[in-house]
Amino acid sequence: MCDKNRDIVTVGIDLSMASTGYCVKRGSVMSVGTIKTKKQDFANDLDRLKYIRDAVLAQVPADVDMICIEDFFTPSNRGQTGAAIMLAMLGTLVRVELYDRGYPFFVPVPMQIKKFVTGKGNVQKNIVVREVYKRWGIDAKDDNQADACGMAHLAEALVEDAGVNDRPKYQVEVVKKVLESRPRYNVGEKVEK
């Protein structure tokens, strides 16, 4: 899947209308950031969605080996329905663009990301932030950056092999589950341009 003579390049993307987190991992070097937006700074929702899409794609290196982008969330109450719809629109825009550009990506669910980072799929967001710091030394500014960092590492594990580098059992389990059951695009496929 990737050239064995160079570092594996992966990206994690945690989409948000207000503060999208991203992490680009090239070997042991990581770049973590946030794309912040406010509704009032845009003429309409579509301008805001396009801005976030373009800002996310600007972070993806041309030589990326794998991307993980968090799956959509299901609202637990009616008050979250509008936010869920906007995130579904944003997620669709970004996924279609990644697909059209031929970038390989998986779509893990939040529980899988949490489990990959912490060993448990049902922990609070602050635990994920703490574990990202303890495990990889990344001082994430918020849970979006922490999730993105976890996804970049998960993407690397998907490229390598579930058992490489003596990964903890729970990480191996997550990798196997993602490989078995999660949506994937441009993975192992030849994309004609």
N, C-alpha and C. Protein backbone atom coordinates (compact mmCIF):
# COMPACT_ATOMS: atom_id res chain seq x y z
N MET A 1 0.82 -1.19 0.00
CA MET A 1 0.00 0.00 0.00
C MET A 1 0.86 1.26 0.00
N CYS A 2 1.99 1.21 0.71
CA CYS A 2 2.87 2.38 0.71
C CYS A 2 4.31 1.94 0.51
N ASP A 3 5.14 2.85 0.11
CA ASP A 3 6.55 2.61 -0.13
C ASP A 3 7.25 2.34 1.20
N LYS A 4 7.87 1.19 1.33
CA LYS A 4 8.52 0.79 2.58
C LYS A 4 9.77 1.61 2.88
N ASN A 5 10.25 2.40 1.91
CA ASN A 5 11.45 3.21 2.10
C ASN A 5 11.14 4.62 2.60
N ARG A 6 9.88 4.89 2.92
CA ARG A 6 9.53 6.20 3.46
C ARG A 6 8.56 6.03 4.62
N ASP A 7 8.41 7.08 5.40
CA ASP A 7 7.49 7.05 6.53
C ASP A 7 6.06 6.93 6.04
N ILE A 8 5.25 6.23 6.82
CA ILE A 8 3.81 6.16 6.55
C ILE A 8 3.21 7.53 6.86
N VAL A 9 2.34 8.00 5.98
CA VAL A 9 1.68 9.30 6.15
C VAL A 9 0.20 9.07 6.34
N THR A 10 -0.33 9.51 7.47
CA THR A 10 -1.74 9.33 7.77
C THR A 10 -2.37 10.63 8.24
N VAL A 11 -3.69 10.68 8.15
CA VAL A 11 -4.43 11.86 8.58
C VAL A 11 -5.66 11.41 9.36
N GLY A 12 -5.95 12.11 10.44
CA GLY A 12 -7.18 11.93 11.19
C GLY A 12 -7.99 13.21 11.11
N ILE A 13 -9.29 13.07 10.86
CA ILE A 13 -10.17 14.24 10.71
C ILE A 13 -11.39 14.06 11.60
N ASP A 14 -11.60 15.03 12.50
CA ASP A 14 -12.79 15.05 13.35
C ASP A 14 -13.58 16.31 12.98
N LEU A 15 -14.58 16.11 12.13
CA LEU A 15 -15.33 17.25 11.60
C LEU A 15 -16.23 17.90 12.64
N SER A 16 -16.31 19.21 12.56
CA SER A 16 -17.17 20.01 13.41
C SER A 16 -17.46 21.30 12.67
N MET A 17 -18.65 21.83 12.85
CA MET A 17 -18.97 23.11 12.22
C MET A 17 -18.17 24.24 12.84
N ALA A 18 -17.91 24.17 14.13
CA ALA A 18 -17.22 25.26 14.83
C ALA A 18 -15.71 25.05 14.92
N SER A 19 -15.28 23.80 15.14
CA SER A 19 -13.84 23.56 15.33
C SER A 19 -13.46 22.15 14.91
N THR A 20 -13.16 22.00 13.64
CA THR A 20 -12.73 20.73 13.08
C THR A 20 -11.30 20.46 13.51
N GLY A 21 -11.08 19.28 14.07
CA GLY A 21 -9.73 18.90 14.45
C GLY A 21 -9.09 18.04 13.37
N TYR A 22 -7.79 18.22 13.18
CA TYR A 22 -7.07 17.38 12.22
C TYR A 22 -5.69 17.05 12.78
N CYS A 23 -5.18 15.92 12.35
CA CYS A 23 -3.83 15.50 12.70
C CYS A 23 -3.20 14.86 11.48
N VAL A 24 -2.04 15.35 11.11
CA VAL A 24 -1.25 14.77 10.02
C VAL A 24 -0.04 14.10 10.67
N LYS A 25 0.12 12.81 10.42
CA LYS A 25 1.21 12.03 11.01
C LYS A 25 2.11 11.52 9.91
N ARG A 26 3.37 11.90 9.97
CA ARG A 26 4.38 11.44 9.01
C ARG A 26 5.47 10.77 9.82
N GLY A 27 5.40 9.42 9.88
CA GLY A 27 6.33 8.71 10.76
C GLY A 27 6.03 9.09 12.21
N SER A 28 7.04 9.60 12.91
CA SER A 28 6.85 9.99 14.31
C SER A 28 6.52 11.48 14.47
N VAL A 29 6.47 12.20 13.37
CA VAL A 29 6.18 13.64 13.42
C VAL A 29 4.70 13.88 13.20
N MET A 30 4.10 14.63 14.13
CA MET A 30 2.67 14.91 14.03
C MET A 30 2.42 16.41 14.03
N SER A 31 1.46 16.80 13.20
CA SER A 31 1.00 18.18 13.14
C SER A 31 -0.49 18.16 13.46
N VAL A 32 -0.87 18.86 14.52
CA VAL A 32 -2.25 18.86 14.99
C VAL A 32 -2.78 20.29 14.94
N GLY A 33 -4.03 20.44 14.51
CA GLY A 33 -4.60 21.78 14.46
C GLY A 33 -6.11 21.76 14.45
N THR A 34 -6.67 22.96 14.44
CA THR A 34 -8.12 23.13 14.44
C THR A 34 -8.50 24.15 13.38
N ILE A 35 -9.56 23.86 12.67
CA ILE A 35 -10.15 24.78 11.70
C ILE A 35 -11.39 25.35 12.37
N LYS A 36 -11.31 26.61 12.77
CA LYS A 36 -12.41 27.24 13.50
C LYS A 36 -13.25 28.12 12.57
N THR A 37 -14.56 28.04 12.75
CA THR A 37 -15.48 28.91 12.00
C THR A 37 -16.61 29.36 12.91
N LYS A 38 -17.19 30.50 12.54
CA LYS A 38 -18.39 31.02 13.20
C LYS A 38 -19.43 31.29 12.14
N LYS A 39 -20.66 30.95 12.44
CA LYS A 39 -21.76 31.10 11.49
C LYS A 39 -21.83 32.51 10.93
N GLN A 40 -21.66 33.51 11.79
CA GLN A 40 -21.81 34.91 11.36
C GLN A 40 -20.72 35.38 10.41
N ASP A 41 -19.65 34.62 10.25
CA ASP A 41 -18.56 35.00 9.34
C ASP A 41 -18.81 34.58 7.89
N PHE A 42 -19.96 33.95 7.62
CA PHE A 42 -20.24 33.45 6.28
C PHE A 42 -21.60 33.94 5.80
N ALA A 43 -21.71 34.11 4.49
CA ALA A 43 -22.96 34.59 3.91
C ALA A 43 -24.10 33.61 4.13
N ASN A 44 -23.76 32.30 4.12
CA ASN A 44 -24.78 31.27 4.33
C ASN A 44 -24.10 29.96 4.71
N ASP A 45 -24.91 28.95 5.01
CA ASP A 45 -24.39 27.66 5.44
C ASP A 45 -23.52 26.99 4.38
N LEU A 46 -23.91 27.13 3.10
CA LEU A 46 -23.13 26.48 2.05
C LEU A 46 -21.74 27.08 1.92
N ASP A 47 -21.61 28.39 2.07
CA ASP A 47 -20.28 29.01 2.05
C ASP A 47 -19.43 28.48 3.20
N ARG A 48 -20.03 28.33 4.35
CA ARG A 48 -19.31 27.82 5.52
C ARG A 48 -18.89 26.36 5.30
N LEU A 49 -19.79 25.55 4.77
CA LEU A 49 -19.46 24.15 4.50
C LEU A 49 -18.32 24.03 3.50
N LYS A 50 -18.37 24.81 2.43
CA LYS A 50 -17.31 24.78 1.42
C LYS A 50 -15.97 25.23 2.01
N TYR A 51 -16.00 26.25 2.86
CA TYR A 51 -14.77 26.73 3.49
C TYR A 51 -14.13 25.62 4.33
N ILE A 52 -14.95 24.97 5.17
CA ILE A 52 -14.40 23.90 6.02
C ILE A 52 -13.87 22.76 5.15
N ARG A 53 -14.63 22.36 4.13
CA ARG A 53 -14.18 21.29 3.23
C ARG A 53 -12.82 21.64 2.63
N ASP A 54 -12.69 22.84 2.10
CA ASP A 54 -11.44 23.24 1.46
C ASP A 54 -10.29 23.33 2.46
N ALA A 55 -10.58 23.82 3.66
CA ALA A 55 -9.53 23.91 4.69
C ALA A 55 -9.06 22.53 5.12
N VAL A 56 -9.99 21.58 5.23
CA VAL A 56 -9.62 20.20 5.58
C VAL A 56 -8.76 19.60 4.48
N LEU A 57 -9.19 19.73 3.24
CA LEU A 57 -8.44 19.14 2.13
C LEU A 57 -7.06 19.75 1.97
N ALA A 58 -6.91 21.00 2.37
CA ALA A 58 -5.60 21.65 2.31
C ALA A 58 -4.61 21.02 3.28
N GLN A 59 -5.10 20.32 4.28
CA GLN A 59 -4.22 19.66 5.26
C GLN A 59 -3.78 18.27 4.82
N VAL A 60 -4.40 17.71 3.80
CA VAL A 60 -4.10 16.34 3.38
C VAL A 60 -2.93 16.33 2.40
N PRO A 61 -1.80 15.73 2.79
CA PRO A 61 -0.66 15.67 1.88
C PRO A 61 -0.97 14.78 0.66
N ALA A 62 -0.39 15.11 -0.46
CA ALA A 62 -0.62 14.35 -1.69
C ALA A 62 -0.17 12.89 -1.55
N ASP A 63 0.83 12.65 -0.69
CA ASP A 63 1.36 11.29 -0.54
C ASP A 63 0.75 10.53 0.64
N VAL A 64 -0.45 10.93 1.06
CA VAL A 64 -1.09 10.29 2.20
C VAL A 64 -1.35 8.80 1.91
N ASP A 65 -1.09 7.97 2.91
CA ASP A 65 -1.32 6.53 2.77
C ASP A 65 -2.70 6.11 3.26
N MET A 66 -3.21 6.81 4.28
CA MET A 66 -4.52 6.47 4.80
C MET A 66 -5.07 7.64 5.61
N ILE A 67 -6.39 7.77 5.56
CA ILE A 67 -7.12 8.78 6.32
C ILE A 67 -8.21 8.07 7.10
N CYS A 68 -8.45 8.54 8.32
CA CYS A 68 -9.63 8.14 9.07
C CYS A 68 -10.45 9.40 9.34
N ILE A 69 -11.72 9.33 9.02
CA ILE A 69 -12.63 10.43 9.27
C ILE A 69 -13.79 9.87 10.08
N GLU A 70 -14.07 10.53 11.20
CA GLU A 70 -15.08 10.01 12.12
C GLU A 70 -16.45 9.95 11.47
N ASP A 71 -17.17 8.87 11.76
CA ASP A 71 -18.51 8.68 11.21
C ASP A 71 -19.49 9.68 11.82
N PHE A 72 -20.63 9.81 11.18
CA PHE A 72 -21.68 10.71 11.64
C PHE A 72 -22.17 10.30 13.02
N PHE A 73 -22.65 11.29 13.78
CA PHE A 73 -23.25 10.95 15.07
C PHE A 73 -24.76 10.96 14.95
N THR A 74 -25.41 10.18 15.79
CA THR A 74 -26.86 10.14 15.82
C THR A 74 -27.33 10.99 17.00
N PRO A 75 -28.18 11.97 16.74
CA PRO A 75 -28.62 12.83 17.84
C PRO A 75 -29.42 12.06 18.89
N SER A 76 -29.18 12.40 20.15
CA SER A 76 -29.90 11.72 21.23
C SER A 76 -31.16 12.48 21.64
N ASN A 77 -31.30 13.70 21.15
CA ASN A 77 -32.53 14.45 21.42
C ASN A 77 -32.83 15.38 20.25
N ARG A 78 -34.05 15.88 20.20
CA ARG A 78 -34.47 16.72 19.07
C ARG A 78 -33.62 17.99 18.94
N GLY A 79 -33.12 18.48 20.04
CA GLY A 79 -32.31 19.70 20.01
C GLY A 79 -31.01 19.54 19.22
N GLN A 80 -30.58 18.32 19.00
CA GLN A 80 -29.33 18.06 18.27
C GLN A 80 -29.56 17.76 16.79
N THR A 81 -30.81 17.71 16.36
CA THR A 81 -31.12 17.32 14.99
C THR A 81 -30.51 18.27 13.97
N GLY A 82 -30.63 19.57 14.19
CA GLY A 82 -30.06 20.55 13.25
C GLY A 82 -28.55 20.40 13.13
N ALA A 83 -27.88 20.22 14.26
CA ALA A 83 -26.42 20.04 14.25
C ALA A 83 -26.05 18.75 13.51
N ALA A 84 -26.83 17.69 13.74
CA ALA A 84 -26.55 16.41 13.07
C ALA A 84 -26.70 16.54 11.56
N ILE A 85 -27.70 17.29 11.12
CA ILE A 85 -27.91 17.48 9.68
C ILE A 85 -26.75 18.26 9.08
N MET A 86 -26.32 19.33 9.74
CA MET A 86 -25.19 20.11 9.22
C MET A 86 -23.92 19.27 9.16
N LEU A 87 -23.67 18.46 10.20
CA LEU A 87 -22.48 17.61 10.19
C LEU A 87 -22.56 16.54 9.11
N ALA A 88 -23.77 16.03 8.85
CA ALA A 88 -23.94 15.05 7.78
C ALA A 88 -23.65 15.70 6.43
N MET A 89 -24.10 16.94 6.26
CA MET A 89 -23.80 17.66 5.01
C MET A 89 -22.30 17.88 4.87
N LEU A 90 -21.65 18.34 5.94
CA LEU A 90 -20.21 18.58 5.91
C LEU A 90 -19.46 17.27 5.66
N GLY A 91 -19.83 16.23 6.38
CA GLY A 91 -19.17 14.93 6.21
C GLY A 91 -19.30 14.39 4.79
N THR A 92 -20.46 14.60 4.20
CA THR A 92 -20.67 14.14 2.82
C THR A 92 -19.80 14.93 1.85
N LEU A 93 -19.76 16.24 2.02
CA LEU A 93 -18.91 17.07 1.14
C LEU A 93 -17.45 16.63 1.20
N VAL A 94 -16.95 16.46 2.43
CA VAL A 94 -15.54 16.09 2.61
C VAL A 94 -15.28 14.69 2.06
N ARG A 95 -16.16 13.74 2.34
CA ARG A 95 -15.96 12.37 1.86
C ARG A 95 -15.97 12.29 0.33
N VAL A 96 -16.90 13.00 -0.29
CA VAL A 96 -16.97 12.98 -1.76
C VAL A 96 -15.68 13.56 -2.34
N GLU A 97 -15.18 14.64 -1.75
CA GLU A 97 -13.94 15.24 -2.25
C GLU A 97 -12.75 14.30 -2.05
N LEU A 98 -12.65 13.67 -0.88
CA LEU A 98 -11.58 12.69 -0.65
C LEU A 98 -11.67 11.55 -1.66
N TYR A 99 -12.87 11.07 -1.89
CA TYR A 99 -13.11 9.99 -2.83
C TYR A 99 -12.72 10.40 -4.25
N ASP A 100 -13.18 11.58 -4.66
CA ASP A 100 -12.88 12.05 -6.01
C ASP A 100 -11.38 12.24 -6.24
N ARG A 101 -10.66 12.60 -5.20
CA ARG A 101 -9.21 12.78 -5.32
C ARG A 101 -8.45 11.46 -5.22
N GLY A 102 -9.16 10.39 -4.92
CA GLY A 102 -8.53 9.07 -4.86
C GLY A 102 -7.82 8.78 -3.55
N TYR A 103 -8.07 9.56 -2.51
CA TYR A 103 -7.43 9.31 -1.23
C TYR A 103 -8.08 8.11 -0.54
N PRO A 104 -7.28 7.21 0.03
CA PRO A 104 -7.85 6.07 0.74
C PRO A 104 -8.31 6.49 2.14
N PHE A 105 -9.53 6.07 2.52
CA PHE A 105 -9.99 6.41 3.86
C PHE A 105 -11.00 5.42 4.40
N PHE A 106 -10.99 5.33 5.73
CA PHE A 106 -11.94 4.54 6.51
C PHE A 106 -12.80 5.49 7.33
N VAL A 107 -13.97 5.00 7.74
CA VAL A 107 -14.91 5.80 8.52
C VAL A 107 -15.24 5.05 9.82
N PRO A 108 -14.37 5.16 10.84
CA PRO A 108 -14.66 4.50 12.12
C PRO A 108 -15.71 5.28 12.92
N VAL A 109 -16.38 4.58 13.82
CA VAL A 109 -17.36 5.22 14.70
C VAL A 109 -16.63 5.77 15.94
N PRO A 110 -17.24 6.74 16.62
CA PRO A 110 -16.60 7.34 17.80
C PRO A 110 -16.16 6.32 18.85
N MET A 111 -16.97 5.29 19.09
CA MET A 111 -16.60 4.28 20.10
C MET A 111 -15.30 3.55 19.73
N GLN A 112 -15.09 3.31 18.43
CA GLN A 112 -13.86 2.64 18.01
C GLN A 112 -12.65 3.54 18.21
N ILE A 113 -12.82 4.82 17.96
CA ILE A 113 -11.71 5.76 18.15
C ILE A 113 -11.35 5.84 19.63
N LYS A 114 -12.38 5.97 20.48
CA LYS A 114 -12.14 6.03 21.93
C LYS A 114 -11.44 4.75 22.42
N LYS A 115 -11.91 3.61 21.94
CA LYS A 115 -11.30 2.35 22.38
C LYS A 115 -9.86 2.25 21.89
N PHE A 116 -9.59 2.67 20.67
CA PHE A 116 -8.23 2.60 20.15
C PHE A 116 -7.28 3.44 21.00
N VAL A 117 -7.76 4.60 21.47
CA VAL A 117 -6.92 5.51 22.26
C VAL A 117 -6.83 5.07 23.72
N THR A 118 -7.96 4.68 24.32
CA THR A 118 -8.01 4.49 25.77
C THR A 118 -8.15 3.04 26.23
N GLY A 119 -8.61 2.16 25.35
CA GLY A 119 -8.89 0.79 25.75
C GLY A 119 -10.36 0.56 26.06
N LYS A 120 -11.13 1.66 26.13
CA LYS A 120 -12.57 1.56 26.41
C LYS A 120 -13.31 2.45 25.42
N GLY A 121 -14.45 1.97 24.94
CA GLY A 121 -15.21 2.71 23.94
C GLY A 121 -16.22 3.70 24.48
N ASN A 122 -16.37 3.75 25.80
CA ASN A 122 -17.41 4.60 26.36
C ASN A 122 -16.88 5.60 27.38
N VAL A 123 -15.72 6.16 27.14
CA VAL A 123 -15.12 7.11 28.08
C VAL A 123 -15.50 8.55 27.72
N GLN A 124 -15.36 9.42 28.68
CA GLN A 124 -15.61 10.85 28.47
C GLN A 124 -14.51 11.44 27.59
N LYS A 125 -14.86 12.55 26.94
CA LYS A 125 -13.93 13.19 26.01
C LYS A 125 -12.62 13.62 26.69
N ASN A 126 -12.70 14.08 27.94
CA ASN A 126 -11.49 14.53 28.62
C ASN A 126 -10.50 13.38 28.85
N ILE A 127 -11.01 12.16 28.95
CA ILE A 127 -10.13 10.99 29.10
C ILE A 127 -9.36 10.75 27.81
N VAL A 128 -10.01 10.94 26.67
CA VAL A 128 -9.34 10.78 25.38
C VAL A 128 -8.23 11.82 25.26
N VAL A 129 -8.51 13.06 25.62
CA VAL A 129 -7.50 14.13 25.57
C VAL A 129 -6.30 13.75 26.43
N ARG A 130 -6.57 13.27 27.64
CA ARG A 130 -5.49 12.89 28.56
C ARG A 130 -4.66 11.73 28.00
N GLU A 131 -5.34 10.71 27.47
CA GLU A 131 -4.64 9.54 26.95
C GLU A 131 -3.80 9.86 25.71
N VAL A 132 -4.29 10.77 24.88
CA VAL A 132 -3.50 11.20 23.71
C VAL A 132 -2.19 11.83 24.18
N TYR A 133 -2.26 12.60 25.24
CA TYR A 133 -1.05 13.20 25.78
C TYR A 133 -0.12 12.14 26.38
N LYS A 134 -0.69 11.26 27.20
CA LYS A 134 0.12 10.23 27.85
C LYS A 134 0.74 9.27 26.84
N ARG A 135 -0.03 8.88 25.83
CA ARG A 135 0.39 7.86 24.88
C ARG A 135 1.35 8.39 23.81
N TRP A 136 1.02 9.60 23.29
CA TRP A 136 1.78 10.09 22.14
C TRP A 136 2.40 11.47 22.34
N GLY A 137 2.23 12.04 23.54
CA GLY A 137 2.86 13.33 23.83
C GLY A 137 2.24 14.52 23.14
N ILE A 138 1.03 14.37 22.64
CA ILE A 138 0.36 15.48 21.95
C ILE A 138 -0.53 16.21 22.96
N ASP A 139 -0.26 17.49 23.12
CA ASP A 139 -1.04 18.34 24.02
C ASP A 139 -2.22 18.92 23.23
N ALA A 140 -3.23 18.08 23.03
CA ALA A 140 -4.40 18.49 22.24
C ALA A 140 -5.12 19.64 22.96
N LYS A 141 -5.51 20.63 22.19
CA LYS A 141 -6.20 21.79 22.75
C LYS A 141 -7.65 21.50 23.07
N ASP A 142 -8.21 20.46 22.45
CA ASP A 142 -9.61 20.09 22.69
C ASP A 142 -9.84 18.66 22.24
N ASP A 143 -11.06 18.18 22.46
CA ASP A 143 -11.37 16.79 22.12
C ASP A 143 -11.37 16.55 20.61
N ASN A 144 -11.62 17.58 19.80
CA ASN A 144 -11.57 17.40 18.35
C ASN A 144 -10.15 17.08 17.88
N GLN A 145 -9.16 17.81 18.41
CA GLN A 145 -7.77 17.51 18.08
C GLN A 145 -7.37 16.13 18.60
N ALA A 146 -7.81 15.80 19.82
CA ALA A 146 -7.46 14.51 20.41
C ALA A 146 -8.03 13.36 19.57
N ASP A 147 -9.30 13.49 19.17
CA ASP A 147 -9.91 12.45 18.33
C ASP A 147 -9.16 12.33 16.99
N ALA A 148 -8.80 13.46 16.41
CA ALA A 148 -8.07 13.44 15.14
C ALA A 148 -6.72 12.74 15.30
N CYS A 149 -6.06 13.00 16.41
CA CYS A 149 -4.77 12.35 16.68
C CYS A 149 -4.96 10.83 16.81
N GLY A 150 -6.00 10.43 17.53
CA GLY A 150 -6.29 9.00 17.65
C GLY A 150 -6.57 8.37 16.30
N MET A 151 -7.30 9.10 15.45
CA MET A 151 -7.62 8.57 14.12
C MET A 151 -6.39 8.48 13.22
N ALA A 152 -5.46 9.43 13.35
CA ALA A 152 -4.23 9.35 12.55
C ALA A 152 -3.43 8.10 12.94
N HIS A 153 -3.41 7.81 14.24
CA HIS A 153 -2.72 6.59 14.69
C HIS A 153 -3.47 5.33 14.26
N LEU A 154 -4.79 5.37 14.31
CA LEU A 154 -5.59 4.24 13.83
C LEU A 154 -5.34 4.03 12.33
N ALA A 155 -5.30 5.12 11.57
CA ALA A 155 -5.03 5.02 10.13
C ALA A 155 -3.67 4.36 9.88
N GLU A 156 -2.68 4.72 10.68
CA GLU A 156 -1.36 4.11 10.55
C GLU A 156 -1.44 2.61 10.83
N ALA A 157 -2.19 2.23 11.86
CA ALA A 157 -2.34 0.80 12.18
C ALA A 157 -3.06 0.06 11.06
N LEU A 158 -3.99 0.71 10.40
CA LEU A 158 -4.69 0.08 9.27
C LEU A 158 -3.76 -0.15 8.09
N VAL A 159 -2.78 0.74 7.92
CA VAL A 159 -1.81 0.59 6.83
C VAL A 159 -0.81 -0.50 7.17
N GLU A 160 -0.31 -0.48 8.40
CA GLU A 160 0.73 -1.43 8.80
C GLU A 160 0.19 -2.84 8.87
N ASP A 161 -0.32 -3.16 10.02
CA ASP A 161 -0.82 -4.49 10.33
C ASP A 161 -1.29 -4.41 11.76
N ALA A 162 -2.35 -5.10 12.07
CA ALA A 162 -2.93 -5.01 13.41
C ALA A 162 -1.94 -5.36 14.51
N GLY A 163 -0.98 -6.23 14.24
CA GLY A 163 -0.08 -6.68 15.30
C GLY A 163 1.29 -6.02 15.31
N VAL A 164 1.55 -5.12 14.36
CA VAL A 164 2.86 -4.50 14.27
C VAL A 164 3.16 -3.66 15.52
N ASN A 165 4.41 -3.63 15.88
CA ASN A 165 4.89 -2.83 17.01
C ASN A 165 4.28 -3.24 18.34
N ASP A 166 3.87 -4.49 18.44
CA ASP A 166 3.32 -4.99 19.71
C ASP A 166 2.21 -4.09 20.24
N ARG A 167 1.26 -3.79 19.41
CA ARG A 167 0.12 -2.96 19.83
C ARG A 167 -0.64 -3.66 20.95
N PRO A 168 -1.26 -2.87 21.84
CA PRO A 168 -2.10 -3.48 22.87
C PRO A 168 -3.25 -4.25 22.22
N LYS A 169 -3.74 -5.25 22.95
CA LYS A 169 -4.80 -6.12 22.43
C LYS A 169 -6.02 -5.32 21.99
N TYR A 170 -6.40 -4.30 22.75
CA TYR A 170 -7.59 -3.52 22.39
C TYR A 170 -7.40 -2.77 21.08
N GLN A 171 -6.19 -2.32 20.78
CA GLN A 171 -5.95 -1.66 19.49
C GLN A 171 -6.04 -2.65 18.35
N VAL A 172 -5.50 -3.84 18.56
CA VAL A 172 -5.59 -4.90 17.55
C VAL A 172 -7.06 -5.22 17.28
N GLU A 173 -7.86 -5.31 18.35
CA GLU A 173 -9.30 -5.58 18.20
C GLU A 173 -9.99 -4.49 17.38
N VAL A 174 -9.67 -3.24 17.65
CA VAL A 174 -10.29 -2.13 16.91
C VAL A 174 -9.90 -2.21 15.44
N VAL A 175 -8.63 -2.42 15.16
CA VAL A 175 -8.18 -2.49 13.77
C VAL A 175 -8.92 -3.61 13.03
N LYS A 176 -9.01 -4.77 13.65
CA LYS A 176 -9.72 -5.89 13.02
C LYS A 176 -11.17 -5.55 12.76
N LYS A 177 -11.83 -4.92 13.73
CA LYS A 177 -13.24 -4.56 13.60
C LYS A 177 -13.44 -3.53 12.50
N VAL A 178 -12.57 -2.54 12.43
CA VAL A 178 -12.67 -1.52 11.38
C VAL A 178 -12.47 -2.18 10.01
N LEU A 179 -11.48 -3.05 9.90
CA LEU A 179 -11.23 -3.74 8.63
C LEU A 179 -12.40 -4.62 8.22
N GLU A 180 -13.06 -5.23 9.19
CA GLU A 180 -14.18 -6.13 8.90
C GLU A 180 -15.47 -5.40 8.55
N SER A 181 -15.75 -4.28 9.23
CA SER A 181 -17.11 -3.79 9.18
C SER A 181 -17.32 -2.31 8.87
N ARG A 182 -16.30 -1.52 8.74
CA ARG A 182 -16.51 -0.09 8.54
C ARG A 182 -16.37 0.31 7.07
N PRO A 183 -17.11 1.36 6.68
CA PRO A 183 -17.00 1.84 5.30
C PRO A 183 -15.57 2.25 4.97
N ARG A 184 -15.17 1.94 3.75
CA ARG A 184 -13.84 2.30 3.27
C ARG A 184 -13.95 2.73 1.81
N TYR A 185 -13.08 3.61 1.42
CA TYR A 185 -13.13 4.14 0.06
C TYR A 185 -11.70 4.25 -0.47
N ASN A 186 -11.54 3.87 -1.72
CA ASN A 186 -10.23 3.93 -2.40
C ASN A 186 -9.17 3.11 -1.66
N VAL A 187 -9.60 2.10 -0.91
CA VAL A 187 -8.66 1.24 -0.19
C VAL A 187 -8.51 -0.03 -1.00
N GLY A 188 -7.30 -0.24 -1.50
CA GLY A 188 -7.05 -1.43 -2.30
C GLY A 188 -7.67 -1.36 -3.68
N GLU A 189 -8.10 -0.16 -4.06
CA GLU A 189 -8.72 0.02 -5.39
C GLU A 189 -7.81 0.92 -6.22
N LYS A 190 -7.78 0.68 -7.49
CA LYS A 190 -7.04 1.53 -8.41
C LYS A 190 -8.03 2.59 -8.91
N VAL A 191 -7.70 3.84 -8.71
CA VAL A 191 -8.60 4.92 -9.12
C VAL A 191 -8.03 5.56 -10.37
N GLU A 192 -8.80 5.52 -11.44
CA GLU A 192 -8.39 6.14 -12.70
C GLU A 192 -8.76 7.61 -12.68
N LYS A 193 -7.86 8.46 -13.08
CA LYS A 193 -8.12 9.92 -13.12
C LYS A 193 -8.33 10.37 -14.54
